[in-house]
Amino acid sequence: MIAYASTIPVFKLPVEWFSNFNKLSLSGIIVIFYMATPNGHMLKVSVLVFAIVVFFVSDMLGIIESIPQSRYDYARTLGLNRWQTLREVVIRGTLDQAFEALRVNAAMAWMMLTMVEGLSRSEGGIGVLLLNLARHQDLASVFAIQLVILAVGIGQDRLIKLMKHIVCPYAV
């Protein structure tokens, strides 16, 4: 919704400004959220959600900006008003690409999960478990956990791909 709001002139500049946060280093984001969150669990969730949303919005802005002007012209030729053009050309026209961006960002989330959960050891989590197992050189357990994460990530990817096929059958 944030990226789609960029097509409304009043929201364009704030959304583009927000998407520039993807250029920050992750360590800088962690420090900012560490000072702003009351506990380790909120820190982990905040950093993960913020990073995923920023990258997703950046991807979606690129997709929206790549819509050819001819599609807007064609919508005007058909007599669509601004809101109908937004719905048909921007939202429905990029929905299949939005699912692909979601798949990429979900994969990035799985990659970041173990790192983000290792930030606050007192809160536990799979990242802390992996760090502790690696420290004790229990590599078989580390490998097994990584395989489970891989399997869940592949399952999630297949689910998003299935949702894309159901919602956007024209894009197959």
Foldseek 3Di string as FASTA:
>chain_A
DLLLCLVPPVSVVVLVVLLVCLPDDLVVVLVVLVVVDDDLVSSLVVSLVSNLVSQLSNQLNVVQVPQDVVLVVVCVVVVDDPVRCSVVCRCVVCVLVSLVSVLVSLVVSLVCNLVSQVPDLVVDDPNNVLVVCVVVPVVVVNVVVVVVSVVVSVVVSVVSVVVSCVVPVVVD
